[in-house]
Amino acid sequence: MIEFLKDIVVQTGQGLLRWRGCTGGEWLGTQLKTKADREAHQALSSALTRLLNIPVVSEEDDASHLEQRPDRYWLIDPIDGTASLAGGFSGFVTQAALMVAGEPVLAAVYAPALERLYSAEKCAGAFCNGGRIHVSAAEKRLILVDNYPQPKGTAVRVMKALGCTGYLESGSISLKICRVADGSADLFFKDVVVRDWDIGAPLLILQEAGGTITKTDGLPYNFNGDIEKSGIIAARNSEICLKVADALLKIPLS
């Protein structure tokens, strides 16, 4: 089934490139909503339910945002990084995960402008464009990945507290987690609200590549209850996650 899932996200991602001119929309809070989001949702959810006819939980379907979720469902983010898409940047993806008993068991993340297809199957490894990927084994290296050309705000303070050795700019939440999974970076954190559809697919990819995702308090990320969580830490190992959690407790907000 993983091959079919990969084909579906690639087809949806190719659609994103066609829909780049359909990005006129409105900001709802911190979320940019566009025609491209709606088109991608329809394409992705329709294809997935043809593959396996189970419920779809999607960013673009408010009725699906239930605390009590079915035993099996598709968890999708039709466009993660809509602002990047609308702004002409390359760091946007489309993604889907098959969730079973509260855990992702199949996942695919496609960045069409970068031509990168990440995928994973539980207990079968993680891959990028068909090649096996692993988190970095460089013990003395500590590269943080984040949104901006240069680190800002809390990222600067965490880098100093942990003695980071480098910085990488990347796009969407999912893509940044995948860059930790493929060994390009060692750490990503987000200390503001994230949602389960942001995390489902890349969490499995990072875990299968040997890495770890926790909440910002260092506890395991889970997909139960409220679909919104207070933040995440994604790293090549659990030790780094705990160091970031400790640093976030100690670092002043201003």
Protein backbone atom coordinates (compact mmCIF):
# COMPACT_ATOMS: atom_id res chain seq x y z
CA MET A 1 0.00 0.00 0.00
CA ILE A 2 2.92 2.36 0.61
CA GLU A 3 3.63 2.59 -3.12
CA PHE A 4 0.05 3.64 -3.81
CA LEU A 5 0.24 6.22 -1.01
CA LYS A 6 3.44 7.64 -2.47
CA ASP A 7 1.84 7.90 -5.91
CA ILE A 8 -1.15 9.76 -4.44
CA VAL A 9 0.91 12.40 -2.64
CA VAL A 10 3.11 12.89 -5.72
CA GLN A 11 0.04 13.44 -7.90
CA THR A 12 -1.37 15.90 -5.36
CA GLY A 13 1.99 17.66 -5.14
CA GLN A 14 2.16 18.04 -8.90
CA GLY A 15 -1.27 19.63 -8.63
CA LEU A 16 0.13 22.13 -6.14
CA LEU A 17 2.56 23.34 -8.77
CA ARG A 18 -0.36 23.90 -11.15
CA TRP A 19 -2.41 25.62 -8.45
CA ARG A 20 0.32 28.05 -7.44
CA GLY A 21 -1.63 30.77 -9.22
CA CYS A 22 -4.72 29.96 -7.12
CA THR A 23 -3.28 31.11 -3.82
CA GLY A 24 -5.35 34.27 -3.33
CA GLY A 25 -7.06 33.76 0.02
CA GLU A 26 -7.44 35.05 3.55
CA TRP A 27 -5.65 34.73 6.86
CA LEU A 28 -7.66 32.99 9.57
CA GLY A 29 -5.60 33.59 12.68
CA THR A 30 -2.12 32.31 11.81
CA GLN A 31 -3.39 30.13 8.94
CA LEU A 32 -3.50 31.28 5.31
CA LYS A 33 -6.48 29.67 3.55
CA THR A 34 -6.49 29.60 -0.25
CA LYS A 35 -8.23 28.00 -3.19
CA ALA A 36 -5.15 25.81 -3.59
CA ASP A 37 -5.76 24.36 -0.10
CA ARG A 38 -9.30 23.39 -1.06
CA GLU A 39 -8.24 21.88 -4.38
CA ALA A 40 -5.47 19.88 -2.70
CA HIS A 41 -7.82 18.65 0.02
CA GLN A 42 -10.33 17.40 -2.52
CA ALA A 43 -7.69 15.67 -4.63
CA LEU A 44 -5.88 14.04 -1.72
CA SER A 45 -8.90 12.93 0.30
CA SER A 46 -10.72 11.54 -2.75
CA ALA A 47 -7.72 9.50 -3.86
CA LEU A 48 -7.06 8.16 -0.37
CA THR A 49 -10.63 7.02 0.21
CA ARG A 50 -10.51 5.19 -3.10
CA LEU A 51 -7.39 3.43 -1.89
CA LEU A 52 -8.87 2.63 1.53
CA ASN A 53 -12.38 3.73 2.38
CA ILE A 54 -11.93 5.01 5.92
CA PRO A 55 -12.52 8.47 7.46
CA VAL A 56 -10.21 11.37 6.60
CA VAL A 57 -9.07 13.89 9.20
CA SER A 58 -7.90 16.97 7.33
CA GLU A 59 -6.84 20.50 8.15
CA GLU A 60 -9.35 21.66 5.55
CA ASP A 61 -12.38 19.80 6.98
CA ASP A 62 -13.50 21.33 10.27
CA ALA A 63 -16.10 18.57 10.79
CA SER A 64 -13.28 16.00 11.03
CA HIS A 65 -11.53 17.72 13.94
CA LEU A 66 -12.92 15.46 16.66
CA GLU A 67 -11.21 14.56 19.92
CA GLN A 68 -12.59 11.03 19.68
CA ARG A 69 -11.20 9.60 16.46
CA PRO A 70 -11.83 6.26 14.75
CA ASP A 71 -9.51 3.28 15.10
CA ARG A 72 -8.33 3.72 11.50
CA TYR A 73 -8.27 6.96 9.54
CA TRP A 74 -6.24 9.03 7.10
CA LEU A 75 -4.55 12.06 8.67
CA ILE A 76 -3.72 14.62 6.00
CA ASP A 77 -2.36 18.11 5.53
CA PRO A 78 -3.09 18.98 1.88
CA ILE A 79 -0.62 21.88 1.99
CA ASP A 80 1.83 22.26 4.84
CA GLY A 81 3.50 25.59 4.16
CA THR A 82 0.75 27.47 2.32
CA ALA A 83 2.53 30.76 2.98
CA SER A 84 5.64 29.38 1.25
CA LEU A 85 3.52 28.30 -1.71
CA ALA A 86 1.82 31.68 -1.93
CA GLY A 87 5.09 33.55 -1.48
CA GLY A 88 6.89 31.73 -4.29
CA PHE A 89 9.17 29.72 -2.00
CA SER A 90 9.94 26.01 -2.36
CA GLY A 91 9.40 24.78 1.21
CA PHE A 92 5.84 23.48 0.98
CA VAL A 93 4.64 19.88 1.03
CA THR A 94 1.58 17.71 0.82
CA GLN A 95 1.38 14.81 3.23
CA ALA A 96 -0.69 11.88 4.46
CA ALA A 97 -0.47 9.22 7.14
CA LEU A 98 -2.50 6.08 7.76
CA MET A 99 -3.37 6.06 11.45
CA VAL A 100 -4.14 2.81 13.27
CA ALA A 101 -4.93 2.68 17.00
CA GLY A 102 -3.61 6.22 17.48
CA GLU A 103 -0.28 5.76 15.67
CA PRO A 104 0.92 6.43 12.11
CA VAL A 105 1.80 3.18 10.32
CA LEU A 106 2.26 4.49 6.75
CA ALA A 107 3.42 7.98 5.79
CA ALA A 108 4.35 10.02 2.75
CA VAL A 109 5.50 13.64 2.49
CA TYR A 110 6.15 15.22 -0.91
CA ALA A 111 7.87 18.56 -1.56
CA PRO A 112 7.11 19.07 -5.27
CA ALA A 113 9.21 22.20 -5.84
CA LEU A 114 12.22 20.38 -4.35
CA GLU A 115 11.34 17.01 -5.92
CA ARG A 116 11.75 15.23 -2.59
CA LEU A 117 9.49 12.33 -1.65
CA TYR A 118 9.83 11.10 1.92
CA SER A 119 8.08 7.91 3.00
CA ALA A 120 7.99 5.39 5.81
CA GLU A 121 6.25 2.22 6.89
CA LYS A 122 6.20 1.18 10.53
CA CYS A 123 9.10 -1.19 11.28
CA ALA A 124 10.29 -1.01 7.65
CA GLY A 125 12.48 2.11 7.57
CA ALA A 126 12.33 5.62 6.13
CA PHE A 127 13.21 6.71 2.61
CA CYS A 128 13.76 9.78 0.46
CA ASN A 129 13.32 9.33 -3.30
CA GLY A 130 13.64 5.59 -2.79
CA GLY A 131 16.91 5.69 -0.84
CA ARG A 132 17.09 4.69 2.82
CA ILE A 133 17.62 7.62 5.20
CA HIS A 134 18.95 7.83 8.75
CA VAL A 135 19.47 10.61 11.24
CA SER A 136 22.99 11.96 11.48
CA ALA A 137 25.54 9.95 13.45
CA ALA A 138 27.81 12.99 13.95
CA GLU A 139 27.85 13.18 17.75
CA LYS A 140 29.61 16.56 18.04
CA ARG A 141 27.48 18.26 15.39
CA LEU A 142 24.26 20.03 16.37
CA ILE A 143 22.48 21.81 13.51
CA LEU A 144 19.17 23.53 14.16
CA VAL A 145 16.66 23.83 11.29
CA ASP A 146 14.07 26.62 11.30
CA ASN A 147 12.06 28.95 9.07
CA TYR A 148 14.21 32.00 8.58
CA PRO A 149 17.42 32.84 6.71
CA GLN A 150 18.97 33.57 10.11
CA PRO A 151 17.85 32.25 13.54
CA LYS A 152 15.45 34.48 15.46
CA GLY A 153 14.01 34.86 18.95
CA THR A 154 13.88 31.68 21.04
CA ALA A 155 15.87 29.81 18.38
CA VAL A 156 18.89 32.06 19.06
CA ARG A 157 18.66 31.43 22.79
CA VAL A 158 18.26 27.65 22.41
CA MET A 159 21.21 27.52 20.02
CA LYS A 160 23.35 29.32 22.58
CA ALA A 161 22.13 27.17 25.49
CA LEU A 162 22.84 23.92 23.64
CA GLY A 163 26.02 25.05 21.89
CA CYS A 164 24.64 24.45 18.39
CA THR A 165 27.28 24.20 15.68
CA GLY A 166 25.16 25.25 12.70
CA TYR A 167 21.85 26.43 11.31
CA LEU A 168 19.72 25.41 8.32
CA GLU A 169 16.81 27.28 6.78
CA SER A 170 13.88 25.20 5.59
CA GLY A 171 10.16 25.51 4.93
CA SER A 172 7.12 23.79 6.40
CA ILE A 173 6.96 22.04 9.78
CA SER A 174 6.87 18.66 8.09
CA LEU A 175 9.81 19.41 5.82
CA LYS A 176 11.94 20.57 8.75
CA ILE A 177 11.25 17.30 10.58
CA CYS A 178 12.15 15.38 7.43
CA ARG A 179 15.45 17.30 7.21
CA VAL A 180 16.30 15.95 10.67
CA ALA A 181 15.30 12.47 9.47
CA ASP A 182 17.56 12.62 6.40
CA GLY A 183 20.55 13.80 8.43
CA SER A 184 20.70 17.35 7.07
CA ALA A 185 19.91 18.77 10.52
CA ASP A 186 19.87 17.47 14.08
CA LEU A 187 17.17 19.49 15.78
CA PHE A 188 13.92 21.34 15.17
CA PHE A 189 11.55 22.72 17.75
CA LYS A 190 8.37 24.74 17.66
CA ASP A 191 7.22 26.22 20.95
CA VAL A 192 3.80 27.37 19.72
CA VAL A 193 0.69 25.43 18.77
CA VAL A 194 1.00 22.59 16.28
CA ARG A 195 -1.75 20.30 15.06
CA ASP A 196 -1.83 16.56 14.59
CA TRP A 197 -1.98 16.80 10.79
CA ASP A 198 1.30 18.77 10.87
CA ILE A 199 3.03 15.93 12.72
CA GLY A 200 1.48 12.58 11.76
CA ALA A 201 3.40 11.75 8.58
CA PRO A 202 6.81 13.25 9.47
CA LEU A 203 6.73 11.70 12.95
CA LEU A 204 6.76 8.20 11.48
CA ILE A 205 9.46 9.17 8.98
CA LEU A 206 11.69 10.55 11.74
CA GLN A 207 11.10 7.59 14.04
CA GLU A 208 11.88 5.10 11.27
CA ALA A 209 15.06 7.07 10.51
CA GLY A 210 16.14 6.65 14.14
CA GLY A 211 15.02 10.00 15.58
CA THR A 212 12.56 11.18 18.22
CA ILE A 213 9.68 13.62 18.54
CA THR A 214 8.40 14.83 21.90
CA LYS A 215 6.20 17.60 23.14
CA THR A 216 8.01 20.67 24.45
CA ASP A 217 7.88 19.25 27.99
CA GLY A 218 9.90 16.23 26.82
CA LEU A 219 6.98 13.80 27.04
CA PRO A 220 6.02 11.62 24.04
CA TYR A 221 3.83 13.15 21.34
CA ASN A 222 0.48 11.40 21.04
CA PHE A 223 -2.53 11.68 18.77
CA ASN A 224 -5.24 11.43 21.43
CA GLY A 225 -7.61 14.14 22.59
CA ASP A 226 -7.33 17.71 21.36
CA ILE A 227 -5.96 17.94 17.82
CA GLU A 228 -3.91 20.98 18.91
CA LYS A 229 -0.75 20.53 20.95
CA SER A 230 1.41 23.18 22.59
CA GLY A 231 4.53 22.47 20.53
CA ILE A 232 7.11 19.84 19.56
CA ILE A 233 10.78 18.97 19.66
CA ALA A 234 12.17 16.80 16.84
CA ALA A 235 15.74 15.57 17.13
CA ARG A 236 18.11 12.80 16.13
CA ASN A 237 17.92 11.36 19.63
CA SER A 238 15.94 11.60 22.85
CA GLU A 239 18.86 13.15 24.77
CA ILE A 240 18.71 16.26 22.57
CA CYS A 241 14.95 16.46 23.03
CA LEU A 242 15.35 16.47 26.81
CA LYS A 243 18.06 19.15 26.65
CA VAL A 244 15.81 21.39 24.55
CA ALA A 245 12.86 20.80 26.89
CA ASP A 246 15.06 21.81 29.83
CA ALA A 247 16.37 24.87 27.97
CA LEU A 248 12.85 26.01 27.09
CA LEU A 249 11.94 25.89 30.78
CA LYS A 250 14.92 28.05 31.72
CA ILE A 251 15.04 30.52 28.82
CA PRO A 252 13.19 33.80 29.52
CA LEU A 253 10.56 34.77 26.99
CA SER A 254 12.11 38.20 26.47
